[in-house]
Full PDB file with SEQRES, HELIX, SHEET, SSBOND, CRYST1, ORIGX, SCALE, CONECT and MASTER records, all heavy atoms in Angstrom:
SEQRES   1 A   39  ALA ALA TRP ARG GLU ALA PRO TYR PHE THR ASP GLU GLU          
SEQRES   2 A   39  ARG ALA ALA LEU ALA LEU ALA GLU ALA ALA THR ARG ILE          
SEQRES   3 A   39  ALA ASP ASN PRO ALA GLY VAL PRO ASP ASP VAL TRP ASN          
HELIX    1 AA1 ASP A   11  THR A   24  1                                  14    
HELIX    2 AA2 ILE A   26  ASP A   28  5                                   3    
HELIX    3 AA3 ASP A   35  TRP A   38  1                                   4    
CRYST1    1.000    1.000    1.000  90.00  90.00  90.00 P 1           1          
ORIGX1      1.000000  0.000000  0.000000        0.00000                         
ORIGX2      0.000000  1.000000  0.000000        0.00000                         
ORIGX3      0.000000  0.000000  1.000000        0.00000                         
SCALE1      1.000000  0.000000  0.000000        0.00000                         
SCALE2      0.000000  1.000000  0.000000        0.00000                         
SCALE3      0.000000  0.000000  1.000000        0.00000                         
ATOM      1  N   ALA A   1      -4.560   1.323  11.096  1.00  0.00           N  
ATOM      2  CA  ALA A   1      -3.944  -0.015  11.023  1.00  0.00           C  
ATOM      3  C   ALA A   1      -4.878  -0.954  10.150  1.00  0.00           C  
ATOM      4  O   ALA A   1      -4.309  -1.927   9.569  1.00  0.00           O  
ATOM      5  CB  ALA A   1      -3.766  -0.595  12.382  1.00  0.00           C  
ATOM      6  N   ALA A   2      -6.089  -0.657   9.965  1.00  0.00           N  
ATOM      7  CA  ALA A   2      -7.001  -1.479   9.221  1.00  0.00           C  
ATOM      8  C   ALA A   2      -7.590  -0.655   8.088  1.00  0.00           C  
ATOM      9  O   ALA A   2      -8.805  -0.741   7.740  1.00  0.00           O  
ATOM     10  CB  ALA A   2      -8.097  -2.050  10.091  1.00  0.00           C  
ATOM     11  N   TRP A   3      -6.825   0.140   7.454  1.00  0.00           N  
ATOM     12  CA  TRP A   3      -7.255   1.132   6.417  1.00  0.00           C  
ATOM     13  C   TRP A   3      -7.966   0.462   5.259  1.00  0.00           C  
ATOM     14  O   TRP A   3      -8.903   1.054   4.694  1.00  0.00           O  
ATOM     15  CB  TRP A   3      -6.152   2.014   5.965  1.00  0.00           C  
ATOM     16  CG  TRP A   3      -5.041   1.318   5.286  1.00  0.00           C  
ATOM     17  CD1 TRP A   3      -3.880   0.830   5.908  1.00  0.00           C  
ATOM     18  CD2 TRP A   3      -4.902   0.976   3.911  1.00  0.00           C  
ATOM     19  NE1 TRP A   3      -3.048   0.237   4.929  1.00  0.00           N  
ATOM     20  CE2 TRP A   3      -3.695   0.316   3.727  1.00  0.00           C  
ATOM     21  CE3 TRP A   3      -5.753   1.227   2.834  1.00  0.00           C  
ATOM     22  CZ2 TRP A   3      -3.285  -0.172   2.512  1.00  0.00           C  
ATOM     23  CZ3 TRP A   3      -5.308   0.785   1.556  1.00  0.00           C  
ATOM     24  CH2 TRP A   3      -4.160   0.109   1.443  1.00  0.00           C  
ATOM     25  N   ARG A   4      -7.654  -0.737   4.904  1.00  0.00           N  
ATOM     26  CA  ARG A   4      -8.212  -1.415   3.766  1.00  0.00           C  
ATOM     27  C   ARG A   4      -9.740  -1.681   4.061  1.00  0.00           C  
ATOM     28  O   ARG A   4     -10.590  -1.666   3.125  1.00  0.00           O  
ATOM     29  CB  ARG A   4      -7.554  -2.703   3.451  1.00  0.00           C  
ATOM     30  CG  ARG A   4      -6.215  -2.558   2.733  1.00  0.00           C  
ATOM     31  CD  ARG A   4      -5.600  -3.874   2.459  1.00  0.00           C  
ATOM     32  NE  ARG A   4      -4.298  -3.729   1.778  1.00  0.00           N  
ATOM     33  CZ  ARG A   4      -3.135  -3.443   2.406  1.00  0.00           C  
ATOM     34  NH1 ARG A   4      -3.139  -3.251   3.724  1.00  0.00           N  
ATOM     35  NH2 ARG A   4      -2.032  -3.335   1.714  1.00  0.00           N  
ATOM     36  N   GLU A   5     -10.063  -1.965   5.303  1.00  0.00           N  
ATOM     37  CA  GLU A   5     -11.422  -2.355   5.640  1.00  0.00           C  
ATOM     38  C   GLU A   5     -12.245  -1.150   6.219  1.00  0.00           C  
ATOM     39  O   GLU A   5     -13.469  -1.284   6.342  1.00  0.00           O  
ATOM     40  CB  GLU A   5     -11.431  -3.426   6.786  1.00  0.00           C  
ATOM     41  CG  GLU A   5     -10.905  -4.790   6.283  1.00  0.00           C  
ATOM     42  CD  GLU A   5      -9.418  -4.911   6.156  1.00  0.00           C  
ATOM     43  OE1 GLU A   5      -8.707  -4.220   6.878  1.00  0.00           O  
ATOM     44  OE2 GLU A   5      -8.982  -5.649   5.340  1.00  0.00           O  
ATOM     45  N   ALA A   6     -11.537  -0.071   6.502  1.00  0.00           N  
ATOM     46  CA  ALA A   6     -12.203   1.125   7.047  1.00  0.00           C  
ATOM     47  C   ALA A   6     -12.705   2.052   5.907  1.00  0.00           C  
ATOM     48  O   ALA A   6     -11.961   2.253   5.010  1.00  0.00           O  
ATOM     49  CB  ALA A   6     -11.287   1.847   8.043  1.00  0.00           C  
ATOM     50  N   PRO A   7     -13.912   2.564   6.036  1.00  0.00           N  
ATOM     51  CA  PRO A   7     -14.454   3.451   4.981  1.00  0.00           C  
ATOM     52  C   PRO A   7     -13.963   4.911   5.053  1.00  0.00           C  
ATOM     53  O   PRO A   7     -14.510   5.747   4.327  1.00  0.00           O  
ATOM     54  CB  PRO A   7     -15.929   3.324   5.181  1.00  0.00           C  
ATOM     55  CG  PRO A   7     -16.102   3.163   6.679  1.00  0.00           C  
ATOM     56  CD  PRO A   7     -14.804   2.300   7.092  1.00  0.00           C  
ATOM     57  N   TYR A   8     -13.050   5.214   5.959  1.00  0.00           N  
ATOM     58  CA  TYR A   8     -12.834   6.619   6.273  1.00  0.00           C  
ATOM     59  C   TYR A   8     -11.682   7.330   5.455  1.00  0.00           C  
ATOM     60  O   TYR A   8     -11.312   8.491   5.632  1.00  0.00           O  
ATOM     61  CB  TYR A   8     -12.394   6.780   7.728  1.00  0.00           C  
ATOM     62  CG  TYR A   8     -13.299   5.987   8.663  1.00  0.00           C  
ATOM     63  CD1 TYR A   8     -12.789   4.973   9.506  1.00  0.00           C  
ATOM     64  CD2 TYR A   8     -14.708   6.306   8.718  1.00  0.00           C  
ATOM     65  CE1 TYR A   8     -13.623   4.235  10.334  1.00  0.00           C  
ATOM     66  CE2 TYR A   8     -15.497   5.510   9.488  1.00  0.00           C  
ATOM     67  CZ  TYR A   8     -14.986   4.500  10.298  1.00  0.00           C  
ATOM     68  OH  TYR A   8     -15.794   3.805  11.106  1.00  0.00           O  
ATOM     69  N   PHE A   9     -11.092   6.558   4.493  1.00  0.00           N  
ATOM     70  CA  PHE A   9      -9.933   7.089   3.725  1.00  0.00           C  
ATOM     71  C   PHE A   9     -10.269   7.284   2.255  1.00  0.00           C  
ATOM     72  O   PHE A   9     -11.027   6.488   1.697  1.00  0.00           O  
ATOM     73  CB  PHE A   9      -8.741   6.150   3.942  1.00  0.00           C  
ATOM     74  CG  PHE A   9      -8.415   5.937   5.382  1.00  0.00           C  
ATOM     75  CD1 PHE A   9      -8.828   4.800   6.069  1.00  0.00           C  
ATOM     76  CD2 PHE A   9      -7.715   6.843   6.100  1.00  0.00           C  
ATOM     77  CE1 PHE A   9      -8.611   4.527   7.425  1.00  0.00           C  
ATOM     78  CE2 PHE A   9      -7.404   6.707   7.477  1.00  0.00           C  
ATOM     79  CZ  PHE A   9      -7.830   5.597   8.133  1.00  0.00           C  
ATOM     80  N   THR A  10      -9.635   8.301   1.745  1.00  0.00           N  
ATOM     81  CA  THR A  10      -9.867   8.649   0.311  1.00  0.00           C  
ATOM     82  C   THR A  10      -9.035   7.630  -0.547  1.00  0.00           C  
ATOM     83  O   THR A  10      -8.164   7.026  -0.063  1.00  0.00           O  
ATOM     84  CB  THR A  10      -9.405  10.078  -0.016  1.00  0.00           C  
ATOM     85  OG1 THR A  10      -7.973  10.138   0.178  1.00  0.00           O  
ATOM     86  CG2 THR A  10     -10.096  11.103   0.905  1.00  0.00           C  
ATOM     87  N   ASP A  11      -9.394   7.594  -1.802  1.00  0.00           N  
ATOM     88  CA  ASP A  11      -8.591   6.812  -2.727  1.00  0.00           C  
ATOM     89  C   ASP A  11      -7.115   7.227  -2.750  1.00  0.00           C  
ATOM     90  O   ASP A  11      -6.250   6.383  -2.837  1.00  0.00           O  
ATOM     91  CB  ASP A  11      -9.239   6.885  -4.171  1.00  0.00           C  
ATOM     92  CG  ASP A  11     -10.510   6.213  -4.251  1.00  0.00           C  
ATOM     93  OD1 ASP A  11     -10.902   5.359  -3.403  1.00  0.00           O  
ATOM     94  OD2 ASP A  11     -11.219   6.418  -5.241  1.00  0.00           O  
ATOM     95  N   GLU A  12      -6.868   8.567  -2.682  1.00  0.00           N  
ATOM     96  CA  GLU A  12      -5.521   9.041  -2.698  1.00  0.00           C  
ATOM     97  C   GLU A  12      -4.769   8.564  -1.412  1.00  0.00           C  
ATOM     98  O   GLU A  12      -3.623   8.124  -1.469  1.00  0.00           O  
ATOM     99  CB  GLU A  12      -5.477  10.550  -2.709  1.00  0.00           C  
ATOM    100  CG  GLU A  12      -5.982  11.161  -4.006  1.00  0.00           C  
ATOM    101  CD  GLU A  12      -7.509  11.236  -4.185  1.00  0.00           C  
ATOM    102  OE1 GLU A  12      -8.251  10.908  -3.195  1.00  0.00           O  
ATOM    103  OE2 GLU A  12      -7.947  11.471  -5.310  1.00  0.00           O  
ATOM    104  N   GLU A  13      -5.446   8.629  -0.187  1.00  0.00           N  
ATOM    105  CA  GLU A  13      -4.835   8.145   0.974  1.00  0.00           C  
ATOM    106  C   GLU A  13      -4.568   6.685   0.955  1.00  0.00           C  
ATOM    107  O   GLU A  13      -3.498   6.188   1.432  1.00  0.00           O  
ATOM    108  CB  GLU A  13      -5.758   8.489   2.165  1.00  0.00           C  
ATOM    109  CG  GLU A  13      -5.744  10.001   2.455  1.00  0.00           C  
ATOM    110  CD  GLU A  13      -6.892  10.474   3.447  1.00  0.00           C  
ATOM    111  OE1 GLU A  13      -7.841   9.694   3.585  1.00  0.00           O  
ATOM    112  OE2 GLU A  13      -6.801  11.489   4.015  1.00  0.00           O  
ATOM    113  N   ARG A  14      -5.502   5.902   0.365  1.00  0.00           N  
ATOM    114  CA  ARG A  14      -5.368   4.476   0.276  1.00  0.00           C  
ATOM    115  C   ARG A  14      -4.121   4.138  -0.616  1.00  0.00           C  
ATOM    116  O   ARG A  14      -3.343   3.216  -0.290  1.00  0.00           O  
ATOM    117  CB  ARG A  14      -6.596   3.824  -0.277  1.00  0.00           C  
ATOM    118  CG  ARG A  14      -7.781   3.838   0.665  1.00  0.00           C  
ATOM    119  CD  ARG A  14      -9.054   3.291  -0.004  1.00  0.00           C  
ATOM    120  NE  ARG A  14     -10.180   3.485   0.906  1.00  0.00           N  
ATOM    121  CZ  ARG A  14     -10.375   2.723   1.964  1.00  0.00           C  
ATOM    122  NH1 ARG A  14      -9.603   1.695   2.236  1.00  0.00           N  
ATOM    123  NH2 ARG A  14     -11.439   2.936   2.694  1.00  0.00           N  
ATOM    124  N   ALA A  15      -3.992   4.869  -1.692  1.00  0.00           N  
ATOM    125  CA  ALA A  15      -2.850   4.641  -2.551  1.00  0.00           C  
ATOM    126  C   ALA A  15      -1.463   4.890  -1.841  1.00  0.00           C  
ATOM    127  O   ALA A  15      -0.565   4.173  -1.973  1.00  0.00           O  
ATOM    128  CB  ALA A  15      -2.954   5.548  -3.829  1.00  0.00           C  
ATOM    129  N   ALA A  16      -1.496   6.037  -1.061  1.00  0.00           N  
ATOM    130  CA  ALA A  16      -0.253   6.384  -0.355  1.00  0.00           C  
ATOM    131  C   ALA A  16      -0.003   5.302   0.816  1.00  0.00           C  
ATOM    132  O   ALA A  16       1.143   4.921   0.982  1.00  0.00           O  
ATOM    133  CB  ALA A  16      -0.431   7.738   0.297  1.00  0.00           C  
ATOM    134  N   LEU A  17      -1.033   4.870   1.434  1.00  0.00           N  
ATOM    135  CA  LEU A  17      -0.884   3.838   2.494  1.00  0.00           C  
ATOM    136  C   LEU A  17      -0.350   2.532   1.922  1.00  0.00           C  
ATOM    137  O   LEU A  17       0.453   1.830   2.497  1.00  0.00           O  
ATOM    138  CB  LEU A  17      -2.168   3.696   3.284  1.00  0.00           C  
ATOM    139  CG  LEU A  17      -2.446   4.870   4.237  1.00  0.00           C  
ATOM    140  CD1 LEU A  17      -3.903   4.782   4.671  1.00  0.00           C  
ATOM    141  CD2 LEU A  17      -1.501   4.906   5.401  1.00  0.00           C  
ATOM    142  N   ALA A  18      -0.929   2.106   0.791  1.00  0.00           N  
ATOM    143  CA  ALA A  18      -0.523   0.916   0.173  1.00  0.00           C  
ATOM    144  C   ALA A  18       0.956   0.966  -0.278  1.00  0.00           C  
ATOM    145  O   ALA A  18       1.697   0.043  -0.128  1.00  0.00           O  
ATOM    146  CB  ALA A  18      -1.385   0.608  -1.128  1.00  0.00           C  
ATOM    147  N   LEU A  19       1.361   2.124  -0.833  1.00  0.00           N  
ATOM    148  CA  LEU A  19       2.728   2.325  -1.219  1.00  0.00           C  
ATOM    149  C   LEU A  19       3.616   2.271  -0.052  1.00  0.00           C  
ATOM    150  O   LEU A  19       4.708   1.649   0.014  1.00  0.00           O  
ATOM    151  CB  LEU A  19       2.908   3.628  -1.980  1.00  0.00           C  
ATOM    152  CG  LEU A  19       4.342   3.946  -2.445  1.00  0.00           C  
ATOM    153  CD1 LEU A  19       4.800   2.913  -3.471  1.00  0.00           C  
ATOM    154  CD2 LEU A  19       4.322   5.381  -3.112  1.00  0.00           C  
ATOM    155  N   ALA A  20       3.164   2.916   1.068  1.00  0.00           N  
ATOM    156  CA  ALA A  20       3.993   2.917   2.329  1.00  0.00           C  
ATOM    157  C   ALA A  20       4.193   1.536   2.866  1.00  0.00           C  
ATOM    158  O   ALA A  20       5.241   1.124   3.272  1.00  0.00           O  
ATOM    159  CB  ALA A  20       3.307   3.796   3.379  1.00  0.00           C  
ATOM    160  N   GLU A  21       3.083   0.748   2.862  1.00  0.00           N  
ATOM    161  CA  GLU A  21       3.239  -0.636   3.374  1.00  0.00           C  
ATOM    162  C   GLU A  21       4.107  -1.470   2.478  1.00  0.00           C  
ATOM    163  O   GLU A  21       4.976  -2.191   2.955  1.00  0.00           O  
ATOM    164  CB  GLU A  21       1.823  -1.305   3.450  1.00  0.00           C  
ATOM    165  CG  GLU A  21       1.022  -0.775   4.600  1.00  0.00           C  
ATOM    166  CD  GLU A  21      -0.262  -1.522   4.855  1.00  0.00           C  
ATOM    167  OE1 GLU A  21      -0.481  -2.555   4.115  1.00  0.00           O  
ATOM    168  OE2 GLU A  21      -0.968  -1.151   5.788  1.00  0.00           O  
ATOM    169  N   ALA A  22       3.925  -1.370   1.197  1.00  0.00           N  
ATOM    170  CA  ALA A  22       4.762  -2.227   0.243  1.00  0.00           C  
ATOM    171  C   ALA A  22       6.246  -1.780   0.342  1.00  0.00           C  
ATOM    172  O   ALA A  22       7.104  -2.709   0.361  1.00  0.00           O  
ATOM    173  CB  ALA A  22       4.262  -2.048  -1.251  1.00  0.00           C  
ATOM    174  N   ALA A  23       6.575  -0.520   0.426  1.00  0.00           N  
ATOM    175  CA  ALA A  23       7.960  -0.137   0.519  1.00  0.00           C  
ATOM    176  C   ALA A  23       8.521  -0.466   1.897  1.00  0.00           C  
ATOM    177  O   ALA A  23       9.764  -0.718   1.962  1.00  0.00           O  
ATOM    178  CB  ALA A  23       8.055   1.408   0.309  1.00  0.00           C  
ATOM    179  N   THR A  24       7.751  -0.420   2.956  1.00  0.00           N  
ATOM    180  CA  THR A  24       8.199  -0.810   4.257  1.00  0.00           C  
ATOM    181  C   THR A  24       8.481  -2.249   4.388  1.00  0.00           C  
ATOM    182  O   THR A  24       9.421  -2.722   4.994  1.00  0.00           O  
ATOM    183  CB  THR A  24       7.232  -0.280   5.339  1.00  0.00           C  
ATOM    184  OG1 THR A  24       7.111   1.139   5.219  1.00  0.00           O  
ATOM    185  CG2 THR A  24       7.675  -0.660   6.735  1.00  0.00           C  
ATOM    186  N   ARG A  25       7.585  -3.078   3.743  1.00  0.00           N  
ATOM    187  CA  ARG A  25       7.701  -4.513   3.813  1.00  0.00           C  
ATOM    188  C   ARG A  25       8.421  -5.048   2.585  1.00  0.00           C  
ATOM    189  O   ARG A  25       8.078  -6.123   2.143  1.00  0.00           O  
ATOM    190  CB  ARG A  25       6.322  -5.100   3.963  1.00  0.00           C  
ATOM    191  CG  ARG A  25       5.670  -4.848   5.342  1.00  0.00           C  
ATOM    192  CD  ARG A  25       4.274  -5.398   5.397  1.00  0.00           C  
ATOM    193  NE  ARG A  25       3.895  -5.391   6.819  1.00  0.00           N  
ATOM    194  CZ  ARG A  25       2.593  -5.224   7.179  1.00  0.00           C  
ATOM    195  NH1 ARG A  25       1.703  -5.145   6.252  1.00  0.00           N  
ATOM    196  NH2 ARG A  25       2.263  -5.206   8.442  1.00  0.00           N  
ATOM    197  N   ILE A  26       9.369  -4.339   2.086  1.00  0.00           N  
ATOM    198  CA  ILE A  26       9.998  -4.682   0.831  1.00  0.00           C  
ATOM    199  C   ILE A  26      10.592  -6.060   0.787  1.00  0.00           C  
ATOM    200  O   ILE A  26      10.656  -6.747  -0.170  1.00  0.00           O  
ATOM    201  CB  ILE A  26      10.967  -3.550   0.418  1.00  0.00           C  
ATOM    202  CG1 ILE A  26      11.208  -3.541  -1.086  1.00  0.00           C  
ATOM    203  CG2 ILE A  26      12.205  -3.646   1.214  1.00  0.00           C  
ATOM    204  CD1 ILE A  26      11.786  -2.205  -1.554  1.00  0.00           C  
ATOM    205  N   ALA A  27      11.071  -6.540   1.938  1.00  0.00           N  
ATOM    206  CA  ALA A  27      11.682  -7.822   2.070  1.00  0.00           C  
ATOM    207  C   ALA A  27      10.716  -8.925   1.958  1.00  0.00           C  
ATOM    208  O   ALA A  27      11.014 -10.093   1.650  1.00  0.00           O  
ATOM    209  CB  ALA A  27      12.445  -7.946   3.406  1.00  0.00           C  
ATOM    210  N   ASP A  28       9.423  -8.656   2.079  1.00  0.00           N  
ATOM    211  CA  ASP A  28       8.337  -9.685   2.007  1.00  0.00           C  
ATOM    212  C   ASP A  28       7.946  -9.967   0.594  1.00  0.00           C  
ATOM    213  O   ASP A  28       7.170 -10.894   0.340  1.00  0.00           O  
ATOM    214  CB  ASP A  28       7.110  -9.173   2.814  1.00  0.00           C  
ATOM    215  CG  ASP A  28       7.412  -9.091   4.263  1.00  0.00           C  
ATOM    216  OD1 ASP A  28       8.375  -9.666   4.772  1.00  0.00           O  
ATOM    217  OD2 ASP A  28       6.608  -8.346   4.964  1.00  0.00           O  
ATOM    218  N   ASN A  29       8.438  -9.180  -0.318  1.00  0.00           N  
ATOM    219  CA  ASN A  29       7.991  -9.401  -1.768  1.00  0.00           C  
ATOM    220  C   ASN A  29       9.246  -9.403  -2.580  1.00  0.00           C  
ATOM    221  O   ASN A  29       9.948  -8.358  -2.727  1.00  0.00           O  
ATOM    222  CB  ASN A  29       7.038  -8.302  -2.184  1.00  0.00           C  
ATOM    223  CG  ASN A  29       6.482  -8.498  -3.529  1.00  0.00           C  
ATOM    224  OD1 ASN A  29       6.969  -9.290  -4.376  1.00  0.00           O  
ATOM    225  ND2 ASN A  29       5.387  -7.855  -3.831  1.00  0.00           N  
ATOM    226  N   PRO A  30       9.551 -10.545  -3.259  1.00  0.00           N  
ATOM    227  CA  PRO A  30      10.820 -10.577  -4.030  1.00  0.00           C  
ATOM    228  C   PRO A  30      10.802  -9.657  -5.177  1.00  0.00           C  
ATOM    229  O   PRO A  30      11.875  -9.324  -5.709  1.00  0.00           O  
ATOM    230  CB  PRO A  30      10.831 -12.099  -4.544  1.00  0.00           C  
ATOM    231  CG  PRO A  30       9.535 -12.738  -4.170  1.00  0.00           C  
ATOM    232  CD  PRO A  30       8.836 -11.799  -3.224  1.00  0.00           C  
ATOM    233  N   ALA A  31       9.668  -9.151  -5.635  1.00  0.00           N  
ATOM    234  CA  ALA A  31       9.583  -8.162  -6.701  1.00  0.00           C  
ATOM    235  C   ALA A  31       9.701  -6.687  -6.174  1.00  0.00           C  
ATOM    236  O   ALA A  31       9.631  -5.804  -7.004  1.00  0.00           O  
ATOM    237  CB  ALA A  31       8.287  -8.370  -7.540  1.00  0.00           C  
ATOM    238  N   GLY A  32       9.825  -6.605  -4.845  1.00  0.00           N  
ATOM    239  CA  GLY A  32       9.897  -5.147  -4.291  1.00  0.00           C  
ATOM    240  C   GLY A  32       8.458  -4.595  -4.257  1.00  0.00           C  
ATOM    241  O   GLY A  32       7.533  -5.331  -3.874  1.00  0.00           O  
ATOM    242  N   VAL A  33       8.327  -3.398  -4.597  1.00  0.00           N  
ATOM    243  CA  VAL A  33       6.957  -2.740  -4.602  1.00  0.00           C  
ATOM    244  C   VAL A  33       6.228  -3.271  -5.890  1.00  0.00           C  
ATOM    245  O   VAL A  33       6.734  -3.035  -7.008  1.00  0.00           O  
ATOM    246  CB  VAL A  33       7.085  -1.266  -4.585  1.00  0.00           C  
ATOM    247  CG1 VAL A  33       5.807  -0.515  -4.753  1.00  0.00           C  
ATOM    248  CG2 VAL A  33       7.771  -0.819  -3.244  1.00  0.00           C  
ATOM    249  N   PRO A  34       5.117  -3.883  -5.735  1.00  0.00           N  
ATOM    250  CA  PRO A  34       4.393  -4.410  -6.920  1.00  0.00           C  
ATOM    251  C   PRO A  34       3.973  -3.244  -7.899  1.00  0.00           C  
ATOM    252  O   PRO A  34       3.664  -2.116  -7.416  1.00  0.00           O  
ATOM    253  CB  PRO A  34       3.183  -5.115  -6.345  1.00  0.00           C  
ATOM    254  CG  PRO A  34       3.528  -5.361  -4.933  1.00  0.00           C  
ATOM    255  CD  PRO A  34       4.474  -4.284  -4.488  1.00  0.00           C  
ATOM    256  N   ASP A  35       3.940  -3.560  -9.171  1.00  0.00           N  
ATOM    257  CA  ASP A  35       3.529  -2.600 -10.190  1.00  0.00           C  
ATOM    258  C   ASP A  35       2.162  -2.023  -9.934  1.00  0.00           C  
ATOM    259  O   ASP A  35       1.951  -0.869 -10.115  1.00  0.00           O  
ATOM    260  CB  ASP A  35       3.587  -3.188 -11.573  1.00  0.00           C  
ATOM    261  CG  ASP A  35       5.005  -3.383 -12.070  1.00  0.00           C  
ATOM    262  OD1 ASP A  35       5.959  -2.750 -11.515  1.00  0.00           O  
ATOM    263  OD2 ASP A  35       5.179  -4.211 -12.988  1.00  0.00           O  
ATOM    264  N   ASP A  36       1.213  -2.886  -9.467  1.00  0.00           N  
ATOM    265  CA  ASP A  36      -0.193  -2.376  -9.266  1.00  0.00           C  
ATOM    266  C   ASP A  36      -0.244  -1.347  -8.158  1.00  0.00           C  
ATOM    267  O   ASP A  36      -0.918  -0.334  -8.277  1.00  0.00           O  
ATOM    268  CB  ASP A  36      -1.191  -3.506  -9.020  1.00  0.00           C  
ATOM    269  CG  ASP A  36      -0.892  -4.317  -7.804  1.00  0.00           C  
ATOM    270  OD1 ASP A  36       0.319  -4.491  -7.484  1.00  0.00           O  
ATOM    271  OD2 ASP A  36      -1.866  -4.664  -7.070  1.00  0.00           O  
ATOM    272  N   VAL A  37       0.610  -1.537  -7.134  1.00  0.00           N  
ATOM    273  CA  VAL A  37       0.653  -0.571  -6.038  1.00  0.00           C  
ATOM    274  C   VAL A  37       1.303   0.713  -6.537  1.00  0.00           C  
ATOM    275  O   VAL A  37       0.723   1.831  -6.241  1.00  0.00           O  
ATOM    276  CB  VAL A  37       1.432  -1.122  -4.794  1.00  0.00           C  
ATOM    277  CG1 VAL A  37       1.713  -0.069  -3.802  1.00  0.00           C  
ATOM    278  CG2 VAL A  37       0.695  -2.313  -4.201  1.00  0.00           C  
ATOM    279  N   TRP A  38       2.379   0.642  -7.253  1.00  0.00           N  
ATOM    280  CA  TRP A  38       3.052   1.799  -7.749  1.00  0.00           C  
ATOM    281  C   TRP A  38       2.108   2.542  -8.706  1.00  0.00           C  
ATOM    282  O   TRP A  38       1.985   3.729  -8.711  1.00  0.00           O  
ATOM    283  CB  TRP A  38       4.358   1.420  -8.462  1.00  0.00           C  
ATOM    284  CG  TRP A  38       5.005   2.593  -9.111  1.00  0.00           C  
ATOM    285  CD1 TRP A  38       4.928   3.014 -10.424  1.00  0.00           C  
ATOM    286  CD2 TRP A  38       5.852   3.580  -8.426  1.00  0.00           C  
ATOM    287  NE1 TRP A  38       5.617   4.199 -10.573  1.00  0.00           N  
ATOM    288  CE2 TRP A  38       6.133   4.591  -9.423  1.00  0.00           C  
ATOM    289  CE3 TRP A  38       6.253   3.702  -7.078  1.00  0.00           C  
ATOM    290  CZ2 TRP A  38       6.929   5.693  -9.081  1.00  0.00           C  
ATOM    291  CZ3 TRP A  38       7.042   4.840  -6.794  1.00  0.00           C  
ATOM    292  CH2 TRP A  38       7.350   5.781  -7.792  1.00  0.00           C  
ATOM    293  N   ASN A  39       1.489   1.834  -9.646  1.00  0.00           N  
ATOM    294  CA  ASN A  39       0.670   2.400 -10.658  1.00  0.00           C  
ATOM    295  C   ASN A  39      -0.576   3.125 -10.027  1.00  0.00           C  
ATOM    296  O   ASN A  39      -0.920   4.214 -10.468  1.00  0.00           O  
ATOM    297  CB  ASN A  39       0.205   1.487 -11.683  1.00  0.00           C  
ATOM    298  CG  ASN A  39       1.360   0.932 -12.531  1.00  0.00           C  
ATOM    299  OD1 ASN A  39       2.423   1.618 -12.697  1.00  0.00           O  
ATOM    300  ND2 ASN A  39       1.211  -0.221 -13.054  1.00  0.00           N  
TER     301      ASN A  39                                                      
MASTER        0    0    0    3    0    0    0    6  300    1    0    3          
END                                                                             
């Protein structure tokens, strides 16, 4: 739940978790999933 602050996750896992959060909270961002998260 606090993956951004926890040192236990790989860069790949962090990218997947960020994408998951952005896609799940899609209504919170008028642009949808941000380009930086997707990239």
